Every structure is written in structure tokens, then in C-alpha cells.
Amino acid sequence: MKTADFFLLFTCAMFLFTNCKVDQKNQQVLTNDQISSISKEIMSVTDNWGAANNAHDVNGSRAIWLNSKDFRMAENGSFFANYDSLSNYLDRAFAASDSLKFKWITREIFPLTKDLACFAATFEFSLKFKDGNKWGGTNAFTATFINSNSGWKVLNGHESTKSQ
């Protein structure tokens, strides 16, 4: 490489390094304390969701989901059209059943920012219907939690069931 070409390349590189700034405003590095705090908050929200399911409390079960036009939830390969369609499904399922037994197997929380976290979990469930039928299995559950005005809520999620 000629000296003049090297000098030109070096000058351009120095210009870029000194004049081009990364948008620090949108980047967040979480401290260990923040990660721990977010994880505890989401753990509590999911504990409450599990307890509501065990108590056969449809309103408590519904409380984890974000009522938003951006809400997306899929179960076993099919998307609910919106929050209302999931809410109606929960109403019908709880009305048709006598009891629901729910138990977390695993939960992992991956905070991304102070207001956004990924969640991966498995749980066992057993649903007893009023007609005597039972349905249960192990669910894989993944979700994106957002810290909304009403606390941590699921913005997007997916559940798939391995039936027993």
C-alpha cells in the first residue's frame, strides 16, 4: 500500500472513530442488582399466575396478559386473534371445568432492558372438566414480558403442550 493511500485510510478511520457516536440513549446495560430485581418481580408475577390457576380464578389467570393491540399469544401452533379472544377462551375453559392443578417445573428469566425481559418455562397441569373428562400434560411456555403501567405483563407468548 502506498504511503498516501495508507495516510488517507488512516485519516478516514480516525474521523469515523472520533465523529461517529453510538446511540447510547437506547442502549442499556443492566447491573446485577437490576437483573436480580427484575427476575424477582417476574418470578412473583408468575407465582401469582400459578396460584390463580390453582385457585380456579379466571380473573387472576387473565391478569398476566397485557391488554394491548400489540398482544400476541399462540398455543399449540395457533394464534389467538387478540387479547379478547384469549380472555374469552379462558372464560369458557374455566366455566367448563371444576378444577385446575398447576405446578411450575422450571422458570428462566432473561432481563434485556429495565422494561423488557424474556421468559422460558415449563409447567405441569391437570384440568378436570365438569363432564368428568380430564386433560393434562407438560407445557413449554415462552414469553416476552414488558414492564407496563400495571406491572410486568406478557406482551407476546407461546405455549405448547405435551399431553399425558
N, C-alpha and C. Protein backbone atom coordinates (compact mmCIF):
# COMPACT_ATOMS: atom_id res chain seq x y z
N MET A 1 0.85 -1.16 0.00
CA MET A 1 0.00 0.00 0.00
C MET A 1 0.90 1.23 0.00
N LYS A 2 0.54 2.17 -0.83
CA LYS A 2 1.33 3.40 -0.89
C LYS A 2 1.14 4.20 0.39
N THR A 3 2.13 4.99 0.70
CA THR A 3 2.08 5.82 1.90
C THR A 3 0.90 6.76 1.88
N ALA A 4 0.60 7.36 0.72
CA ALA A 4 -0.51 8.31 0.60
C ALA A 4 -1.84 7.60 0.83
N ASP A 5 -1.97 6.37 0.28
CA ASP A 5 -3.21 5.61 0.48
C ASP A 5 -3.39 5.23 1.95
N PHE A 6 -2.30 4.83 2.58
CA PHE A 6 -2.35 4.48 3.99
C PHE A 6 -2.76 5.69 4.82
N PHE A 7 -2.16 6.85 4.51
CA PHE A 7 -2.47 8.07 5.26
C PHE A 7 -3.94 8.43 5.09
N LEU A 8 -4.48 8.31 3.86
CA LEU A 8 -5.87 8.63 3.59
C LEU A 8 -6.79 7.67 4.36
N LEU A 9 -6.50 6.37 4.32
CA LEU A 9 -7.29 5.38 5.04
C LEU A 9 -7.23 5.62 6.54
N PHE A 10 -6.05 5.91 7.06
CA PHE A 10 -5.87 6.18 8.48
C PHE A 10 -6.66 7.42 8.90
N THR A 11 -6.62 8.47 8.08
CA THR A 11 -7.32 9.71 8.37
C THR A 11 -8.84 9.48 8.38
N CYS A 12 -9.34 8.71 7.41
CA CYS A 12 -10.78 8.40 7.36
C CYS A 12 -11.20 7.59 8.58
N ALA A 13 -10.41 6.60 8.96
CA ALA A 13 -10.72 5.78 10.13
C ALA A 13 -10.76 6.63 11.39
N MET A 14 -9.78 7.51 11.56
CA MET A 14 -9.74 8.37 12.74
C MET A 14 -10.94 9.30 12.77
N PHE A 15 -11.35 9.81 11.61
CA PHE A 15 -12.52 10.67 11.53
C PHE A 15 -13.76 9.90 12.00
N LEU A 16 -13.94 8.68 11.48
CA LEU A 16 -15.09 7.88 11.86
C LEU A 16 -15.10 7.57 13.36
N PHE A 17 -13.96 7.18 13.90
CA PHE A 17 -13.89 6.82 15.32
C PHE A 17 -14.14 8.02 16.22
N THR A 18 -13.76 9.21 15.80
CA THR A 18 -13.91 10.38 16.68
C THR A 18 -15.22 11.13 16.46
N ASN A 19 -15.86 10.95 15.30
CA ASN A 19 -17.05 11.74 15.00
C ASN A 19 -18.35 10.94 14.92
N CYS A 20 -18.28 9.65 14.84
CA CYS A 20 -19.48 8.81 14.79
C CYS A 20 -19.70 8.21 16.16
N LYS A 21 -20.83 8.55 16.77
CA LYS A 21 -21.12 8.09 18.12
C LYS A 21 -22.24 7.06 18.09
N VAL A 22 -22.13 6.07 18.92
CA VAL A 22 -23.18 5.09 19.08
C VAL A 22 -24.30 5.74 19.88
N ASP A 23 -25.52 5.42 19.53
CA ASP A 23 -26.67 5.96 20.24
C ASP A 23 -26.77 5.31 21.62
N GLN A 24 -26.15 5.91 22.60
CA GLN A 24 -26.12 5.38 23.95
C GLN A 24 -27.48 5.49 24.63
N LYS A 25 -28.33 6.38 24.15
CA LYS A 25 -29.63 6.61 24.76
C LYS A 25 -30.49 5.34 24.73
N ASN A 26 -30.42 4.57 23.65
CA ASN A 26 -31.26 3.39 23.50
C ASN A 26 -30.57 2.10 23.97
N GLN A 27 -29.34 2.19 24.39
CA GLN A 27 -28.65 1.01 24.89
C GLN A 27 -28.66 1.04 26.41
N GLN A 28 -28.93 -0.11 26.98
CA GLN A 28 -28.96 -0.19 28.44
C GLN A 28 -28.11 -1.38 28.87
N VAL A 29 -27.28 -1.16 29.82
CA VAL A 29 -26.55 -2.24 30.45
C VAL A 29 -27.10 -2.36 31.86
N LEU A 30 -27.65 -3.52 32.15
CA LEU A 30 -28.27 -3.72 33.46
C LEU A 30 -27.22 -4.15 34.48
N THR A 31 -27.35 -3.63 35.66
CA THR A 31 -26.47 -4.05 36.76
C THR A 31 -26.97 -5.40 37.29
N ASN A 32 -26.15 -6.06 38.06
CA ASN A 32 -26.57 -7.32 38.67
C ASN A 32 -27.78 -7.12 39.59
N ASP A 33 -27.82 -5.98 40.29
CA ASP A 33 -28.96 -5.68 41.16
C ASP A 33 -30.24 -5.50 40.35
N GLN A 34 -30.15 -4.82 39.20
CA GLN A 34 -31.32 -4.64 38.34
C GLN A 34 -31.80 -5.98 37.79
N ILE A 35 -30.87 -6.80 37.35
CA ILE A 35 -31.22 -8.12 36.83
C ILE A 35 -31.92 -8.94 37.92
N SER A 36 -31.38 -8.90 39.12
CA SER A 36 -31.97 -9.63 40.23
C SER A 36 -33.36 -9.11 40.57
N SER A 37 -33.52 -7.79 40.59
CA SER A 37 -34.80 -7.18 40.92
C SER A 37 -35.86 -7.53 39.88
N ILE A 38 -35.52 -7.41 38.61
CA ILE A 38 -36.46 -7.74 37.53
C ILE A 38 -36.84 -9.21 37.61
N SER A 39 -35.85 -10.06 37.83
CA SER A 39 -36.12 -11.50 37.91
C SER A 39 -37.06 -11.82 39.06
N LYS A 40 -36.85 -11.18 40.22
CA LYS A 40 -37.73 -11.40 41.37
C LYS A 40 -39.15 -10.92 41.09
N GLU A 41 -39.27 -9.77 40.42
CA GLU A 41 -40.60 -9.24 40.11
C GLU A 41 -41.36 -10.17 39.17
N ILE A 42 -40.69 -10.65 38.14
CA ILE A 42 -41.36 -11.55 37.19
C ILE A 42 -41.64 -12.91 37.85
N MET A 43 -40.74 -13.35 38.70
CA MET A 43 -40.99 -14.59 39.44
C MET A 43 -42.25 -14.45 40.28
N SER A 44 -42.43 -13.31 40.92
CA SER A 44 -43.62 -13.06 41.73
C SER A 44 -44.88 -13.04 40.85
N VAL A 45 -44.81 -12.38 39.72
CA VAL A 45 -45.96 -12.32 38.80
C VAL A 45 -46.34 -13.73 38.35
N THR A 46 -45.35 -14.54 38.02
CA THR A 46 -45.65 -15.90 37.56
C THR A 46 -46.09 -16.80 38.73
N ASP A 47 -45.59 -16.54 39.94
CA ASP A 47 -46.10 -17.25 41.12
C ASP A 47 -47.60 -16.95 41.29
N ASN A 48 -47.96 -15.68 41.16
CA ASN A 48 -49.37 -15.28 41.30
C ASN A 48 -50.24 -15.91 40.23
N TRP A 49 -49.71 -16.01 39.01
CA TRP A 49 -50.45 -16.63 37.91
C TRP A 49 -50.69 -18.11 38.22
N GLY A 50 -49.67 -18.79 38.68
CA GLY A 50 -49.82 -20.20 39.05
C GLY A 50 -50.82 -20.38 40.17
N ALA A 51 -50.75 -19.52 41.18
CA ALA A 51 -51.69 -19.59 42.31
C ALA A 51 -53.12 -19.33 41.85
N ALA A 52 -53.31 -18.38 40.94
CA ALA A 52 -54.64 -18.09 40.42
C ALA A 52 -55.19 -19.29 39.65
N ASN A 53 -54.34 -19.95 38.87
CA ASN A 53 -54.79 -21.15 38.17
C ASN A 53 -55.19 -22.25 39.15
N ASN A 54 -54.38 -22.46 40.18
CA ASN A 54 -54.71 -23.47 41.19
C ASN A 54 -55.99 -23.13 41.95
N ALA A 55 -56.26 -21.86 42.13
CA ALA A 55 -57.48 -21.41 42.83
C ALA A 55 -58.69 -21.38 41.89
N HIS A 56 -58.47 -21.75 40.63
CA HIS A 56 -59.53 -21.73 39.62
C HIS A 56 -60.13 -20.32 39.50
N ASP A 57 -59.23 -19.32 39.53
CA ASP A 57 -59.58 -17.90 39.49
C ASP A 57 -59.29 -17.35 38.09
N VAL A 58 -60.33 -17.24 37.27
CA VAL A 58 -60.13 -16.81 35.88
C VAL A 58 -59.58 -15.39 35.80
N ASN A 59 -60.03 -14.49 36.67
CA ASN A 59 -59.53 -13.11 36.62
C ASN A 59 -58.06 -13.04 36.99
N GLY A 60 -57.65 -13.83 37.97
CA GLY A 60 -56.24 -13.89 38.33
C GLY A 60 -55.41 -14.51 37.23
N SER A 61 -55.97 -15.49 36.56
CA SER A 61 -55.27 -16.13 35.45
C SER A 61 -55.10 -15.16 34.28
N ARG A 62 -56.09 -14.33 34.08
CA ARG A 62 -56.07 -13.35 32.99
C ARG A 62 -55.11 -12.18 33.28
N ALA A 63 -54.77 -11.96 34.53
CA ALA A 63 -54.01 -10.77 34.94
C ALA A 63 -52.58 -10.71 34.39
N ILE A 64 -52.03 -11.82 33.97
CA ILE A 64 -50.64 -11.84 33.49
C ILE A 64 -50.51 -11.26 32.07
N TRP A 65 -51.59 -11.27 31.31
CA TRP A 65 -51.54 -10.89 29.89
C TRP A 65 -51.77 -9.39 29.72
N LEU A 66 -51.03 -8.78 28.79
CA LEU A 66 -51.17 -7.35 28.52
C LEU A 66 -52.33 -7.12 27.56
N ASN A 67 -53.30 -6.33 27.98
CA ASN A 67 -54.43 -5.98 27.12
C ASN A 67 -53.98 -4.83 26.22
N SER A 68 -53.47 -5.20 25.05
CA SER A 68 -52.89 -4.23 24.13
C SER A 68 -53.11 -4.69 22.69
N LYS A 69 -53.15 -3.73 21.78
CA LYS A 69 -53.26 -4.09 20.36
C LYS A 69 -52.02 -4.83 19.87
N ASP A 70 -50.92 -4.72 20.59
CA ASP A 70 -49.68 -5.40 20.23
C ASP A 70 -49.57 -6.81 20.81
N PHE A 71 -50.56 -7.23 21.60
CA PHE A 71 -50.54 -8.54 22.25
C PHE A 71 -50.62 -9.65 21.22
N ARG A 72 -49.77 -10.67 21.40
CA ARG A 72 -49.80 -11.88 20.57
C ARG A 72 -49.58 -13.08 21.47
N MET A 73 -50.41 -14.10 21.30
CA MET A 73 -50.26 -15.33 22.06
C MET A 73 -50.64 -16.49 21.16
N ALA A 74 -49.78 -17.50 21.16
CA ALA A 74 -50.04 -18.71 20.39
C ALA A 74 -50.05 -19.89 21.34
N GLU A 75 -50.91 -20.85 21.02
CA GLU A 75 -50.98 -22.07 21.80
C GLU A 75 -51.08 -23.24 20.83
N ASN A 76 -50.12 -24.15 20.96
CA ASN A 76 -50.09 -25.35 20.12
C ASN A 76 -50.21 -25.02 18.63
N GLY A 77 -49.51 -24.00 18.20
CA GLY A 77 -49.43 -23.67 16.78
C GLY A 77 -50.48 -22.74 16.24
N SER A 78 -51.42 -22.29 17.07
CA SER A 78 -52.47 -21.38 16.61
C SER A 78 -52.43 -20.09 17.43
N PHE A 79 -52.55 -18.97 16.75
CA PHE A 79 -52.56 -17.67 17.42
C PHE A 79 -53.98 -17.31 17.85
N PHE A 80 -54.09 -16.72 19.02
CA PHE A 80 -55.33 -16.06 19.40
C PHE A 80 -55.38 -14.76 18.60
N ALA A 81 -56.55 -14.35 18.18
CA ALA A 81 -56.68 -13.16 17.34
C ALA A 81 -56.22 -11.90 18.07
N ASN A 82 -56.48 -11.85 19.38
CA ASN A 82 -56.12 -10.68 20.19
C ASN A 82 -56.33 -11.03 21.66
N TYR A 83 -56.15 -10.05 22.51
CA TYR A 83 -56.32 -10.26 23.96
C TYR A 83 -57.74 -10.75 24.26
N ASP A 84 -58.75 -10.15 23.64
CA ASP A 84 -60.14 -10.53 23.92
C ASP A 84 -60.41 -11.99 23.58
N SER A 85 -59.82 -12.49 22.49
CA SER A 85 -60.06 -13.89 22.14
C SER A 85 -59.43 -14.83 23.15
N LEU A 86 -58.25 -14.47 23.69
CA LEU A 86 -57.65 -15.27 24.76
C LEU A 86 -58.51 -15.19 26.02
N SER A 87 -58.98 -14.00 26.34
CA SER A 87 -59.81 -13.80 27.52
C SER A 87 -61.09 -14.62 27.44
N ASN A 88 -61.73 -14.64 26.27
CA ASN A 88 -62.95 -15.43 26.08
C ASN A 88 -62.67 -16.92 26.19
N TYR A 89 -61.53 -17.35 25.65
CA TYR A 89 -61.12 -18.76 25.76
C TYR A 89 -60.96 -19.15 27.23
N LEU A 90 -60.30 -18.28 28.02
CA LEU A 90 -60.13 -18.56 29.45
C LEU A 90 -61.49 -18.65 30.16
N ASP A 91 -62.40 -17.73 29.82
CA ASP A 91 -63.73 -17.76 30.42
C ASP A 91 -64.42 -19.10 30.16
N ARG A 92 -64.37 -19.56 28.90
CA ARG A 92 -65.02 -20.83 28.54
C ARG A 92 -64.35 -22.02 29.23
N ALA A 93 -63.01 -22.02 29.24
CA ALA A 93 -62.28 -23.15 29.84
C ALA A 93 -62.55 -23.24 31.35
N PHE A 94 -62.53 -22.11 32.03
CA PHE A 94 -62.77 -22.13 33.48
C PHE A 94 -64.24 -22.47 33.77
N ALA A 95 -65.18 -22.01 32.95
CA ALA A 95 -66.60 -22.32 33.16
C ALA A 95 -66.88 -23.80 32.93
N ALA A 96 -66.14 -24.44 32.03
CA ALA A 96 -66.37 -25.85 31.71
C ALA A 96 -65.64 -26.80 32.65
N SER A 97 -64.82 -26.26 33.55
CA SER A 97 -64.00 -27.13 34.40
C SER A 97 -64.33 -26.94 35.88
N ASP A 98 -64.01 -27.98 36.64
CA ASP A 98 -64.18 -27.93 38.09
C ASP A 98 -62.91 -27.51 38.79
N SER A 99 -61.78 -27.94 38.25
CA SER A 99 -60.52 -27.65 38.92
C SER A 99 -59.37 -27.65 37.93
N LEU A 100 -58.31 -26.99 38.36
CA LEU A 100 -57.07 -26.95 37.59
C LEU A 100 -55.93 -27.06 38.58
N LYS A 101 -55.08 -28.04 38.36
CA LYS A 101 -53.87 -28.18 39.17
C LYS A 101 -52.70 -27.74 38.32
N PHE A 102 -51.86 -26.91 38.90
CA PHE A 102 -50.78 -26.27 38.17
C PHE A 102 -49.51 -26.31 39.02
N LYS A 103 -48.37 -26.63 38.38
CA LYS A 103 -47.10 -26.65 39.11
C LYS A 103 -45.96 -26.28 38.15
N TRP A 104 -45.20 -25.25 38.55
CA TRP A 104 -44.01 -24.88 37.79
C TRP A 104 -42.97 -25.99 37.88
N ILE A 105 -42.31 -26.29 36.79
CA ILE A 105 -41.17 -27.21 36.78
C ILE A 105 -39.88 -26.40 36.68
N THR A 106 -39.82 -25.53 35.69
CA THR A 106 -38.65 -24.67 35.50
C THR A 106 -39.12 -23.27 35.13
N ARG A 107 -38.31 -22.29 35.49
CA ARG A 107 -38.54 -20.91 35.04
C ARG A 107 -37.18 -20.24 34.88
N GLU A 108 -36.98 -19.61 33.74
CA GLU A 108 -35.77 -18.83 33.49
C GLU A 108 -36.19 -17.45 33.02
N ILE A 109 -35.55 -16.43 33.56
CA ILE A 109 -35.88 -15.05 33.22
C ILE A 109 -34.61 -14.39 32.70
N PHE A 110 -34.73 -13.73 31.56
CA PHE A 110 -33.60 -13.08 30.91
C PHE A 110 -33.92 -11.60 30.70
N PRO A 111 -33.64 -10.74 31.68
CA PRO A 111 -33.89 -9.31 31.51
C PRO A 111 -33.04 -8.75 30.37
N LEU A 112 -33.67 -8.01 29.48
CA LEU A 112 -32.98 -7.39 28.35
C LEU A 112 -32.73 -5.91 28.59
N THR A 113 -33.75 -5.24 29.11
CA THR A 113 -33.65 -3.83 29.50
C THR A 113 -34.42 -3.71 30.81
N LYS A 114 -34.51 -2.50 31.33
CA LYS A 114 -35.25 -2.33 32.59
C LYS A 114 -36.75 -2.54 32.41
N ASP A 115 -37.22 -2.56 31.16
CA ASP A 115 -38.65 -2.71 30.89
C ASP A 115 -39.00 -3.89 29.99
N LEU A 116 -38.04 -4.77 29.71
CA LEU A 116 -38.27 -5.87 28.78
C LEU A 116 -37.47 -7.09 29.22
N ALA A 117 -38.13 -8.25 29.22
CA ALA A 117 -37.45 -9.49 29.62
C ALA A 117 -38.03 -10.67 28.85
N CYS A 118 -37.19 -11.65 28.60
CA CYS A 118 -37.64 -12.91 28.02
C CYS A 118 -37.82 -13.92 29.13
N PHE A 119 -38.72 -14.86 28.89
CA PHE A 119 -39.09 -15.85 29.89
C PHE A 119 -39.20 -17.20 29.21
N ALA A 120 -38.65 -18.22 29.80
CA ALA A 120 -38.77 -19.59 29.30
C ALA A 120 -39.07 -20.50 30.48
N ALA A 121 -40.10 -21.32 30.35
CA ALA A 121 -40.52 -22.12 31.49
C ALA A 121 -41.20 -23.41 31.03
N THR A 122 -41.34 -24.31 31.98
CA THR A 122 -42.18 -25.49 31.80
C THR A 122 -43.05 -25.64 33.04
N PHE A 123 -44.25 -26.17 32.84
CA PHE A 123 -45.13 -26.44 33.96
C PHE A 123 -45.99 -27.65 33.66
N GLU A 124 -46.44 -28.29 34.72
CA GLU A 124 -47.38 -29.40 34.61
C GLU A 124 -48.77 -28.86 34.97
N PHE A 125 -49.78 -29.44 34.32
CA PHE A 125 -51.14 -29.04 34.66
C PHE A 125 -52.07 -30.24 34.50
N SER A 126 -53.17 -30.19 35.21
CA SER A 126 -54.22 -31.19 35.09
C SER A 126 -55.55 -30.46 35.25
N LEU A 127 -56.38 -30.57 34.24
CA LEU A 127 -57.66 -29.88 34.22
C LEU A 127 -58.77 -30.94 34.32
N LYS A 128 -59.67 -30.75 35.27
CA LYS A 128 -60.80 -31.66 35.43
C LYS A 128 -62.06 -30.92 35.00
N PHE A 129 -62.72 -31.49 33.98
CA PHE A 129 -63.93 -30.86 33.43
C PHE A 129 -65.18 -31.30 34.19
N LYS A 130 -66.21 -30.51 34.09
CA LYS A 130 -67.47 -30.80 34.78
C LYS A 130 -68.12 -32.08 34.28
N ASP A 131 -67.84 -32.47 33.03
CA ASP A 131 -68.40 -33.70 32.48
C ASP A 131 -67.60 -34.95 32.88
N GLY A 132 -66.57 -34.76 33.71
CA GLY A 132 -65.78 -35.88 34.19
C GLY A 132 -64.49 -36.12 33.42
N ASN A 133 -64.38 -35.55 32.23
CA ASN A 133 -63.15 -35.71 31.45
C ASN A 133 -62.00 -34.95 32.09
N LYS A 134 -60.80 -35.43 31.81
CA LYS A 134 -59.59 -34.78 32.32
C LYS A 134 -58.64 -34.54 31.16
N TRP A 135 -57.86 -33.49 31.31
CA TRP A 135 -56.83 -33.20 30.32
C TRP A 135 -55.65 -32.61 31.08
N GLY A 136 -54.47 -33.06 30.75
CA GLY A 136 -53.30 -32.55 31.42
C GLY A 136 -52.05 -32.82 30.61
N GLY A 137 -50.97 -32.33 31.11
CA GLY A 137 -49.71 -32.53 30.42
C GLY A 137 -48.63 -31.61 30.95
N THR A 138 -47.59 -31.52 30.17
CA THR A 138 -46.48 -30.62 30.46
C THR A 138 -46.45 -29.56 29.38
N ASN A 139 -46.38 -28.32 29.79
CA ASN A 139 -46.35 -27.20 28.85
C ASN A 139 -44.97 -26.57 28.80
N ALA A 140 -44.55 -26.22 27.60
CA ALA A 140 -43.42 -25.31 27.41
C ALA A 140 -44.04 -23.94 27.21
N PHE A 141 -43.51 -22.95 27.88
CA PHE A 141 -44.09 -21.60 27.85
C PHE A 141 -42.95 -20.61 27.66
N THR A 142 -43.00 -19.85 26.58
CA THR A 142 -42.04 -18.78 26.35
C THR A 142 -42.82 -17.48 26.23
N ALA A 143 -42.20 -16.40 26.68
CA ALA A 143 -42.91 -15.12 26.67
C ALA A 143 -41.93 -13.95 26.65
N THR A 144 -42.43 -12.85 26.16
CA THR A 144 -41.75 -11.57 26.27
C THR A 144 -42.56 -10.75 27.26
N PHE A 145 -41.94 -10.41 28.38
CA PHE A 145 -42.58 -9.58 29.40
C PHE A 145 -42.20 -8.12 29.17
N ILE A 146 -43.18 -7.24 29.36
CA ILE A 146 -42.95 -5.80 29.28
C ILE A 146 -43.41 -5.19 30.61
N ASN A 147 -42.65 -4.23 31.09
CA ASN A 147 -43.00 -3.55 32.32
C ASN A 147 -43.96 -2.42 31.97
N SER A 148 -45.25 -2.67 32.15
CA SER A 148 -46.29 -1.71 31.77
C SER A 148 -46.67 -0.85 32.98
N ASN A 149 -47.62 0.02 32.77
CA ASN A 149 -48.12 0.85 33.88
C ASN A 149 -48.72 0.01 34.99
N SER A 150 -49.17 -1.19 34.65
CA SER A 150 -49.78 -2.06 35.66
C SER A 150 -48.87 -3.22 36.05
N GLY A 151 -47.56 -3.04 35.86
CA GLY A 151 -46.60 -4.06 36.26
C GLY A 151 -46.15 -4.91 35.09
N TRP A 152 -45.42 -5.97 35.39
CA TRP A 152 -44.90 -6.86 34.36
C TRP A 152 -46.04 -7.69 33.77
N LYS A 153 -46.16 -7.65 32.43
CA LYS A 153 -47.21 -8.36 31.71
C LYS A 153 -46.61 -9.06 30.50
N VAL A 154 -47.28 -10.11 30.05
CA VAL A 154 -46.86 -10.81 28.84
C VAL A 154 -47.37 -10.05 27.63
N LEU A 155 -46.44 -9.59 26.80
CA LEU A 155 -46.78 -8.92 25.55
C LEU A 155 -46.94 -9.94 24.43
N ASN A 156 -46.04 -10.90 24.37
CA ASN A 156 -46.06 -11.97 23.37
C ASN A 156 -45.73 -13.27 24.07
N GLY A 157 -46.41 -14.34 23.69
CA GLY A 157 -46.12 -15.61 24.32
C GLY A 157 -46.49 -16.79 23.45
N HIS A 158 -46.02 -17.95 23.88
CA HIS A 158 -46.34 -19.20 23.20
C HIS A 158 -46.33 -20.33 24.21
N GLU A 159 -47.33 -21.18 24.13
CA GLU A 159 -47.39 -22.39 24.94
C GLU A 159 -47.59 -23.58 24.02
N SER A 160 -46.93 -24.67 24.34
CA SER A 160 -47.19 -25.92 23.64
C SER A 160 -47.28 -27.02 24.67
N THR A 161 -48.20 -27.94 24.44
CA THR A 161 -48.49 -28.98 25.42
C THR A 161 -48.04 -30.34 24.93
N LYS A 162 -47.37 -31.04 25.81
CA LYS A 162 -47.08 -32.46 25.62
C LYS A 162 -48.08 -33.18 26.52
N SER A 163 -49.15 -33.70 25.92
CA SER A 163 -50.24 -34.32 26.69
C SER A 163 -49.78 -35.60 27.35
N GLN A 164 -50.41 -35.90 28.49
CA GLN A 164 -50.12 -37.13 29.23
C GLN A 164 -50.96 -38.26 28.73
